Amino acid sequence: MSRDLRVTLLEQALSTVTPIDEREATSLDALRHLLATRDDDIFSESGNDHHVTASALVVSSRGVILHLHKRLGIWVQPGGHVDAGEWPDVAAIRETSEETGLLVRHPGTPWLIHVDVHPGPRGHTHYDLRYLLISDGSDPVPPADESPEVHWFSLEEAPARAVDTMAGALARLRATDVAECVAKWCP
């Protein structure tokens, strides 16, 4: 059985990530271990209880998008499961569009901005790849079957609203020159 190219490329991408805090360092170690020791489909939600998910830190001149998760009741970034054969960076765009109604894209090439491992539903563990996505700052228009609570928050106010597992990701955004990124890549 040949190795999934997504795993090989993910290992390469992780080799360039410097953790922003101890939580991300632990998450990176756990994800690297998963990649090195599993030969099943680590992207499959139904195939195993430890799987890779993809989410997005969506930025614009208005700040960062958070949504009130419809089942968990917490403010988080949009994201979810990787579909069969789908690349994680594509899943981040798809999930974001599905949950927010926003048109989003990567700033040039996909930018893996943060990694977090956390408990998911039904005893699963999510190895979440968080990508930076950009938007033109339009108002979110989530579909009826998604959470209606989707809002732009400034980088200063987002940490007080977001769940604590987002602290490192939001710190990375504040440490990154998001304003320059937005000016360069957003219309």
Protein backbone atom coordinates (compact mmCIF):
# COMPACT_ATOMS: atom_id res chain seq x y z
CA MET A 1 0.00 0.00 0.00
CA SER A 2 1.49 3.34 -1.01
CA ARG A 3 1.74 6.15 1.49
CA ASP A 4 -0.83 8.94 1.28
CA LEU A 5 0.86 11.95 -0.34
CA ARG A 6 -1.12 14.22 2.00
CA VAL A 7 0.75 12.66 4.96
CA THR A 8 4.16 13.19 3.36
CA LEU A 9 3.41 16.82 2.51
CA LEU A 10 1.95 17.46 5.95
CA GLU A 11 5.13 16.12 7.56
CA GLN A 12 7.12 18.54 5.40
CA ALA A 13 4.88 21.45 6.35
CA LEU A 14 5.18 20.63 10.05
CA SER A 15 8.97 20.71 9.83
CA THR A 16 8.78 24.49 9.35
CA VAL A 17 6.33 25.23 12.20
CA THR A 18 7.75 26.84 15.33
CA PRO A 19 5.28 26.47 18.20
CA ILE A 20 3.97 29.68 19.72
CA ASP A 21 3.37 28.12 23.16
CA GLU A 22 3.61 24.86 25.12
CA ARG A 23 0.16 23.73 24.01
CA GLU A 24 1.10 23.97 20.35
CA ALA A 25 4.46 22.25 21.01
CA THR A 26 2.62 19.33 22.62
CA SER A 27 0.09 19.30 19.77
CA LEU A 28 2.86 19.24 17.15
CA ASP A 29 4.56 16.32 18.90
CA ALA A 30 1.27 14.40 19.05
CA LEU A 31 0.52 15.05 15.37
CA ARG A 32 4.04 14.05 14.29
CA HIS A 33 3.65 10.84 16.29
CA LEU A 34 0.28 10.14 14.63
CA LEU A 35 1.79 10.68 11.18
CA ALA A 36 4.78 8.46 11.92
CA THR A 37 2.94 5.54 13.50
CA ARG A 38 -0.38 5.17 11.68
CA ASP A 39 -0.82 3.61 8.27
CA ASP A 40 -4.61 3.97 8.06
CA ASP A 41 -6.49 7.01 6.78
CA ILE A 42 -5.77 9.60 9.48
CA PHE A 43 -8.10 12.04 7.71
CA SER A 44 -11.16 9.79 8.05
CA GLU A 45 -13.66 10.68 10.76
CA SER A 46 -15.40 7.32 10.42
CA GLY A 47 -12.22 5.30 9.98
CA ASN A 48 -10.77 5.95 13.42
CA ASP A 49 -11.21 8.01 16.55
CA HIS A 50 -7.95 9.98 16.09
CA HIS A 51 -8.10 12.05 12.90
CA VAL A 52 -6.88 15.24 11.26
CA THR A 53 -9.35 18.11 10.92
CA ALA A 54 -8.96 21.48 9.20
CA SER A 55 -10.06 24.93 10.27
CA ALA A 56 -9.42 28.54 9.41
CA LEU A 57 -8.43 31.79 10.98
CA VAL A 58 -10.23 34.11 8.59
CA VAL A 59 -8.96 37.69 8.58
CA SER A 60 -9.91 40.89 6.84
CA SER A 61 -9.66 44.58 7.59
CA ARG A 62 -12.56 43.93 10.03
CA GLY A 63 -10.58 41.47 12.19
CA VAL A 64 -11.07 37.72 12.59
CA ILE A 65 -14.20 35.56 12.16
CA LEU A 66 -15.57 33.50 15.05
CA HIS A 67 -18.81 31.56 15.20
CA LEU A 68 -20.81 30.22 18.08
CA HIS A 69 -20.58 26.45 17.54
CA LYS A 70 -24.16 25.22 17.21
CA ARG A 71 -23.69 22.04 19.28
CA LEU A 72 -20.89 22.99 21.66
CA GLY A 73 -22.03 26.53 22.49
CA ILE A 74 -18.50 27.98 22.31
CA TRP A 75 -16.95 30.64 20.09
CA VAL A 76 -14.45 29.06 17.70
CA GLN A 77 -12.95 29.41 14.26
CA PRO A 78 -14.84 27.74 11.38
CA GLY A 79 -13.67 24.28 10.40
CA GLY A 80 -14.39 20.60 10.44
CA HIS A 81 -13.64 17.20 9.01
CA VAL A 82 -11.58 16.48 5.91
CA ASP A 83 -13.64 14.67 3.26
CA ALA A 84 -12.35 11.49 1.60
CA GLY A 85 -9.39 12.32 -0.65
CA GLU A 86 -9.60 16.03 0.17
CA TRP A 87 -6.53 18.10 0.99
CA PRO A 88 -6.69 19.74 4.45
CA ASP A 89 -6.09 23.26 3.09
CA VAL A 90 -9.04 22.78 0.71
CA ALA A 91 -11.17 21.41 3.56
CA ALA A 92 -10.48 24.61 5.54
CA ILE A 93 -11.89 26.70 2.68
CA ARG A 94 -14.89 24.41 2.16
CA GLU A 95 -15.78 24.23 5.86
CA THR A 96 -15.42 27.99 6.26
CA SER A 97 -17.65 28.72 3.29
CA GLU A 98 -20.23 26.18 4.49
CA GLU A 99 -20.34 27.59 8.02
CA THR A 100 -20.07 31.32 7.33
CA GLY A 101 -21.25 31.92 3.78
CA LEU A 102 -18.08 33.93 3.17
CA LEU A 103 -15.90 33.77 0.09
CA VAL A 104 -12.41 33.04 1.41
CA ARG A 105 -9.05 32.08 -0.01
CA HIS A 106 -5.49 31.41 0.98
CA PRO A 107 -3.11 34.39 0.92
CA GLY A 108 -1.03 33.17 -2.02
CA THR A 109 -0.09 29.65 -0.97
CA PRO A 110 -1.71 27.78 1.95
CA TRP A 111 -0.33 28.97 5.28
CA LEU A 112 -0.55 26.51 8.17
CA ILE A 113 -0.62 29.05 10.97
CA HIS A 114 -1.37 26.86 14.01
CA VAL A 115 -1.85 23.24 15.14
CA ASP A 116 -4.00 22.14 18.07
CA VAL A 117 -4.93 18.68 19.35
CA HIS A 118 -8.14 18.57 21.37
CA PRO A 119 -11.03 16.28 22.25
CA GLY A 120 -13.79 16.03 19.68
CA PRO A 121 -17.28 14.58 20.01
CA ARG A 122 -17.96 10.87 20.64
CA GLY A 123 -14.58 10.31 22.30
CA HIS A 124 -12.65 11.32 19.20
CA THR A 125 -9.41 13.30 19.19
CA HIS A 126 -9.02 16.07 16.60
CA TYR A 127 -5.59 16.98 15.26
CA ASP A 128 -6.63 20.38 13.95
CA LEU A 129 -4.66 22.09 11.19
CA ARG A 130 -5.46 25.79 11.30
CA TYR A 131 -4.89 27.75 8.10
CA LEU A 132 -4.84 31.49 7.55
CA LEU A 133 -7.55 32.52 5.12
CA ILE A 134 -8.46 35.97 3.90
CA SER A 135 -11.79 37.56 3.10
CA ASP A 136 -12.96 40.88 1.75
CA GLY A 137 -14.70 41.60 5.06
CA SER A 138 -18.25 41.05 3.85
CA ASP A 139 -20.92 40.31 6.42
CA PRO A 140 -21.19 36.57 7.08
CA VAL A 141 -24.29 34.87 5.71
CA PRO A 142 -24.42 31.41 7.28
CA PRO A 143 -26.94 28.96 5.82
CA ALA A 144 -30.02 28.03 7.86
CA ASP A 145 -28.57 24.70 9.04
CA GLU A 146 -25.45 26.35 10.51
CA SER A 147 -24.97 28.60 13.52
CA PRO A 148 -26.52 32.03 12.87
CA GLU A 149 -23.99 33.58 15.25
CA VAL A 150 -20.99 34.41 13.02
CA HIS A 151 -19.22 37.71 13.61
CA TRP A 152 -16.06 39.68 12.96
CA PHE A 153 -14.03 40.46 16.09
CA SER A 154 -10.96 42.64 16.43
CA LEU A 155 -7.73 40.84 17.30
CA GLU A 156 -7.90 42.55 20.67
CA GLU A 157 -11.44 41.41 21.55
CA ALA A 158 -11.37 37.90 20.01
CA PRO A 159 -9.36 36.23 22.83
CA ALA A 160 -11.95 37.25 25.43
CA ARG A 161 -14.73 35.71 23.34
CA ALA A 162 -13.03 32.59 21.96
CA VAL A 163 -12.62 29.22 23.65
CA ASP A 164 -9.25 28.81 25.40
CA THR A 165 -7.97 26.26 22.84
CA MET A 166 -7.74 29.19 20.42
CA ALA A 167 -5.39 31.26 22.59
CA GLY A 168 -2.24 30.20 20.75
CA ALA A 169 -3.80 30.66 17.32
CA LEU A 170 -4.97 34.17 18.19
CA ALA A 171 -1.57 34.98 19.70
CA ARG A 172 0.02 33.86 16.42
CA LEU A 173 -2.31 36.20 14.52
CA ARG A 174 -1.40 39.10 16.80
CA ALA A 175 2.32 38.30 16.35
CA THR A 176 1.89 38.13 12.56
CA ASP A 177 1.56 41.32 10.60
CA VAL A 178 -2.04 40.60 9.67
CA ALA A 179 -2.57 44.19 8.54
CA GLU A 180 0.21 43.78 5.96
CA CYS A 181 -1.24 40.44 4.86
CA VAL A 182 -4.69 41.94 4.48
CA ALA A 183 -3.35 44.95 2.59
CA LYS A 184 -1.37 42.71 0.25
CA TRP A 185 -3.98 40.02 -0.45
CA CYS A 186 -7.43 41.54 0.13
CA PRO A 187 -9.08 43.85 -2.40
